[in-house]
Amino acid sequence: MNTPPFRLLQIDHVVLRVRDSVAMQAFYCDVLGCTVERRQDAIGLLQLRAGASLIDLVGVDGKLGRMGGAAPGAEGHNMDHLCLRVDAFDVDALRAHLTAHGARIGDHGSRYGAEGEGPSLYLFDPEGNMLELKGPPDSD
């Protein structure tokens, strides 16, 4: 087996093709706390800072978005889910915050992630993409 000449460090960015860039920016910034990193309106790209990573929003009606085919919908999503590691995981506080912002909330449970088994909460963005907010690993 060949060893690659590099070492993976982390997820750099995730790209979501979106129908409503304004609603998606509001959700990711106002509800999840992302900040606008960079805007490239000529190609329809908005890059949001999410901790050490980026979440890129590509409008399906823009130059980049048109290259990806049909818009995401009930029969076809951009991905299964995006997991964001969060600090201060308090499920009741998370639910209250998300509910106050009208977010659709899914299941809460203990799930395995990059740092091990720990609490997580599923939710959905305005276009139906599933997200997972992942807390710290359980201490044994």
Protein backbone atom coordinates (compact mmCIF):
# COMPACT_ATOMS: atom_id res chain seq x y z
CA MET A 1 0.00 0.00 0.00
CA ASN A 2 1.34 3.42 -0.94
CA THR A 3 1.39 6.14 1.67
CA PRO A 4 0.23 9.52 0.35
CA PRO A 5 2.83 12.30 0.29
CA PHE A 6 0.63 14.40 2.57
CA ARG A 7 -1.31 14.27 5.85
CA LEU A 8 -4.95 15.30 6.08
CA LEU A 9 -5.50 17.98 8.72
CA GLN A 10 -9.18 18.99 8.77
CA ILE A 11 -12.14 19.87 6.59
CA ASP A 12 -11.20 23.10 4.82
CA HIS A 13 -14.61 23.97 3.41
CA VAL A 14 -17.97 22.58 2.36
CA VAL A 15 -19.88 23.94 -0.65
CA LEU A 16 -23.67 24.07 -0.67
CA ARG A 17 -25.63 24.85 -3.83
CA VAL A 18 -28.58 26.98 -2.70
CA ARG A 19 -31.82 28.38 -4.11
CA ASP A 20 -32.13 31.36 -1.72
CA SER A 21 -28.73 32.82 -0.81
CA VAL A 22 -30.22 35.55 1.39
CA ALA A 23 -32.20 33.12 3.59
CA MET A 24 -29.25 30.74 3.79
CA GLN A 25 -26.81 33.52 4.78
CA ALA A 26 -29.23 34.68 7.47
CA PHE A 27 -29.56 31.14 8.85
CA TYR A 28 -25.85 30.31 8.90
CA CYS A 29 -24.86 33.74 10.29
CA ASP A 30 -27.75 34.65 12.61
CA VAL A 31 -28.60 31.16 13.90
CA LEU A 32 -25.25 29.34 13.79
CA GLY A 33 -22.89 32.28 14.27
CA CYS A 34 -20.93 32.14 11.01
CA THR A 35 -19.47 35.38 9.65
CA VAL A 36 -19.10 36.54 6.07
CA GLU A 37 -15.51 35.87 5.01
CA ARG A 38 -15.61 36.76 1.35
CA ARG A 39 -18.13 37.54 -1.37
CA GLN A 40 -17.61 36.86 -5.08
CA ASP A 41 -20.83 38.12 -6.63
CA ALA A 42 -19.56 37.77 -10.23
CA ILE A 43 -19.60 33.98 -9.89
CA GLY A 44 -22.37 33.68 -7.26
CA LEU A 45 -20.20 32.60 -4.30
CA LEU A 46 -20.51 33.61 -0.65
CA GLN A 47 -17.92 32.21 1.77
CA LEU A 48 -18.83 32.03 5.46
CA ARG A 49 -16.34 31.50 8.29
CA ALA A 50 -17.27 28.58 10.58
CA GLY A 51 -14.48 28.36 13.15
CA ALA A 52 -11.37 27.10 11.36
CA SER A 53 -13.40 26.09 8.28
CA LEU A 54 -15.53 27.69 5.60
CA ILE A 55 -19.06 27.02 4.41
CA ASP A 56 -19.46 28.21 0.83
CA LEU A 57 -22.91 29.10 -0.48
CA VAL A 58 -23.25 28.93 -4.26
CA GLY A 59 -26.49 30.29 -5.71
CA VAL A 60 -27.94 27.89 -8.30
CA ASP A 61 -28.75 30.89 -10.50
CA GLY A 62 -25.15 32.17 -10.55
CA LYS A 63 -22.22 31.27 -12.82
CA LEU A 64 -20.93 28.45 -10.57
CA GLY A 65 -24.39 27.23 -9.58
CA ARG A 66 -25.62 26.80 -13.15
CA MET A 67 -22.72 24.42 -13.78
CA GLY A 68 -24.06 22.01 -11.12
CA GLY A 69 -27.35 21.10 -12.76
CA ALA A 70 -30.78 21.18 -11.14
CA ALA A 71 -31.36 22.94 -7.84
CA PRO A 72 -31.57 20.84 -4.67
CA GLY A 73 -35.10 19.83 -3.73
CA ALA A 74 -37.24 17.21 -2.03
CA GLU A 75 -35.98 14.47 -4.36
CA GLY A 76 -32.31 15.43 -4.40
CA HIS A 77 -30.13 17.00 -1.73
CA ASN A 78 -26.61 18.40 -1.87
CA MET A 79 -25.36 16.09 0.90
CA ASP A 80 -26.50 13.80 3.71
CA HIS A 81 -25.48 16.18 6.51
CA LEU A 82 -22.84 18.63 7.65
CA CYS A 83 -21.49 18.25 11.19
CA LEU A 84 -20.27 21.32 13.08
CA ARG A 85 -18.33 20.87 16.33
CA VAL A 86 -19.58 23.30 18.97
CA ASP A 87 -18.37 24.28 22.42
CA ALA A 88 -20.68 24.63 25.42
CA PHE A 89 -23.05 21.87 24.29
CA ASP A 90 -26.21 22.37 26.38
CA VAL A 91 -29.06 20.65 24.55
CA ASP A 92 -31.76 22.71 26.30
CA ALA A 93 -30.02 26.01 25.48
CA LEU A 94 -29.43 24.84 21.89
CA ARG A 95 -33.08 23.85 21.46
CA ALA A 96 -34.28 27.18 22.90
CA HIS A 97 -31.97 29.17 20.60
CA LEU A 98 -32.91 27.18 17.50
CA THR A 99 -36.63 27.32 18.31
CA ALA A 100 -36.44 31.10 18.80
CA HIS A 101 -35.03 31.32 15.26
CA GLY A 102 -37.70 29.03 13.79
CA ALA A 103 -35.26 26.25 12.94
CA ARG A 104 -36.59 22.74 12.42
CA ILE A 105 -34.95 20.51 15.03
CA GLY A 106 -34.28 16.80 14.68
CA ASP A 107 -33.08 14.06 17.00
CA HIS A 108 -30.70 14.50 19.93
CA GLY A 109 -28.43 11.66 20.99
CA SER A 110 -24.93 10.40 21.53
CA ARG A 111 -23.04 9.81 18.31
CA TYR A 112 -19.51 9.08 17.23
CA GLY A 113 -17.50 11.87 15.58
CA ALA A 114 -13.93 12.94 14.90
CA GLU A 115 -13.16 13.28 18.62
CA GLY A 116 -15.10 10.22 19.79
CA GLU A 117 -18.54 9.50 21.22
CA GLY A 118 -20.48 12.51 22.45
CA PRO A 119 -23.71 14.51 22.36
CA SER A 120 -25.17 15.76 19.09
CA LEU A 121 -28.31 17.46 17.85
CA TYR A 122 -29.66 17.36 14.31
CA LEU A 123 -31.39 20.34 12.70
CA PHE A 124 -32.27 21.56 9.21
CA ASP A 125 -31.40 24.75 7.35
CA PRO A 126 -34.03 26.68 5.34
CA GLU A 127 -33.45 24.53 2.24
CA GLY A 128 -33.74 21.19 4.03
CA ASN A 129 -30.04 20.38 4.42
CA MET A 130 -29.48 18.38 7.60
CA LEU A 131 -26.88 19.69 10.04
CA GLU A 132 -25.45 18.12 13.17
CA LEU A 133 -24.20 20.20 16.09
CA LYS A 134 -21.63 18.02 17.86
CA GLY A 135 -20.47 18.51 21.43
CA PRO A 136 -17.25 17.42 23.11
CA PRO A 137 -16.46 13.73 23.53
CA ASP A 138 -17.79 11.98 26.60
CA SER A 139 -15.22 11.66 29.37
CA ASP A 140 -14.65 8.10 30.56
